[in-house]
């Protein structure tokens, strides 16, 4: 979440600099300064890492379950088709 906020802020700053008209004064090295409340280094704390790992594990579990269910469904359909074909 922090990274998206920082990315949005940086894109907004660069977008404003690029969108300025050509007749505007040239941008010097000290004119564009990042606001003081933007965090420059982004590191996840223990809880964020834990929740991210848990989220990924749950996604993989769900993905595997959906694959198993699909295979089961296909196997069931093939069995029914064979049974109907024998009649």
Protein backbone atom coordinates (compact mmCIF):
# COMPACT_ATOMS: atom_id res chain seq x y z
CA UNK A 1 0.00 0.00 0.00
CA UNK A 2 2.84 2.37 0.78
CA UNK A 3 4.44 1.69 -2.57
CA UNK A 4 1.26 2.58 -4.44
CA UNK A 5 0.98 5.87 -2.55
CA UNK A 6 4.60 6.74 -3.26
CA UNK A 7 4.26 5.74 -6.90
CA UNK A 8 1.13 7.85 -7.30
CA UNK A 9 2.82 10.85 -5.69
CA UNK A 10 5.93 10.54 -7.85
CA UNK A 11 3.91 10.06 -11.03
CA UNK A 12 1.83 13.11 -10.12
CA UNK A 13 4.97 15.19 -9.60
CA UNK A 14 6.58 14.05 -12.84
CA UNK A 15 3.31 14.32 -14.74
CA UNK A 16 2.92 17.95 -13.67
CA UNK A 17 6.52 18.69 -14.73
CA UNK A 18 6.02 17.07 -18.15
CA UNK A 19 2.59 18.64 -18.73
CA UNK A 20 3.84 22.22 -18.26
CA UNK A 21 3.79 24.30 -21.44
CA UNK A 22 6.96 24.85 -23.42
CA UNK A 23 6.86 28.60 -22.74
CA UNK A 24 7.18 28.02 -19.00
CA UNK A 25 10.47 28.74 -17.28
CA UNK A 26 12.97 25.88 -17.42
CA UNK A 27 12.96 23.62 -14.40
CA UNK A 28 16.13 23.96 -12.39
CA UNK A 29 17.59 21.30 -10.12
CA UNK A 30 16.11 22.84 -6.97
CA UNK A 31 12.64 23.70 -8.25
CA UNK A 32 11.05 20.24 -7.97
CA UNK A 33 11.42 18.98 -4.43
CA UNK A 34 9.63 15.99 -3.00
CA UNK A 35 7.25 16.76 -0.13
CA UNK A 36 8.65 16.03 3.31
CA UNK A 37 5.96 13.48 4.20
CA UNK A 38 6.91 11.05 1.39
CA UNK A 39 8.85 8.05 2.66
CA UNK A 40 11.94 7.43 0.56
CA UNK A 41 12.69 3.86 1.68
CA UNK A 42 9.88 1.36 1.73
CA UNK A 43 10.32 -1.77 3.79
CA UNK A 44 7.60 -4.09 4.97
CA UNK A 45 7.42 -4.76 8.65
CA UNK A 46 6.93 -8.26 10.05
CA UNK A 47 3.14 -8.11 10.06
CA UNK A 48 2.95 -6.88 6.45
CA UNK A 49 5.30 -9.65 5.30
CA UNK A 50 3.27 -12.21 7.22
CA UNK A 51 -0.01 -11.01 5.74
CA UNK A 52 1.43 -10.92 2.22
CA UNK A 53 2.78 -14.45 2.54
CA UNK A 54 -0.54 -15.62 3.96
CA UNK A 55 -2.41 -13.94 1.10
CA UNK A 56 -0.21 -15.65 -1.48
CA UNK A 57 -0.63 -19.02 0.22
CA UNK A 58 -4.39 -18.62 0.26
CA UNK A 59 -4.38 -17.67 -3.42
CA UNK A 60 -2.37 -20.78 -4.27
CA UNK A 61 -4.65 -22.98 -2.17
CA UNK A 62 -7.69 -21.57 -3.93
CA UNK A 63 -6.06 -22.01 -7.34
CA UNK A 64 -5.20 -25.65 -6.59
CA UNK A 65 -8.69 -26.32 -5.27
CA UNK A 66 -10.27 -24.86 -8.42
CA UNK A 67 -8.01 -27.01 -10.60
CA UNK A 68 -8.91 -30.14 -8.62
CA UNK A 69 -12.61 -29.34 -8.89
CA UNK A 70 -12.33 -28.76 -12.63
CA UNK A 71 -10.53 -32.07 -13.14
CA UNK A 72 -13.13 -33.81 -11.01
CA UNK A 73 -15.93 -32.22 -13.01
CA UNK A 74 -14.34 -33.20 -16.34
CA UNK A 75 -13.74 -36.77 -15.15
CA UNK A 76 -17.36 -36.99 -14.01
CA UNK A 77 -18.61 -35.72 -17.39
CA UNK A 78 -16.48 -38.25 -19.25
CA UNK A 79 -17.79 -41.10 -17.08
CA UNK A 80 -21.38 -40.01 -17.72
CA UNK A 81 -20.71 -39.73 -21.44
CA UNK A 82 -19.27 -43.26 -21.54
CA UNK A 83 -22.17 -44.61 -19.53
CA UNK A 84 -24.72 -42.97 -21.86
CA UNK A 85 -22.79 -44.20 -24.87
CA UNK A 86 -22.97 -47.84 -23.66
CA UNK A 87 -26.76 -47.75 -23.38
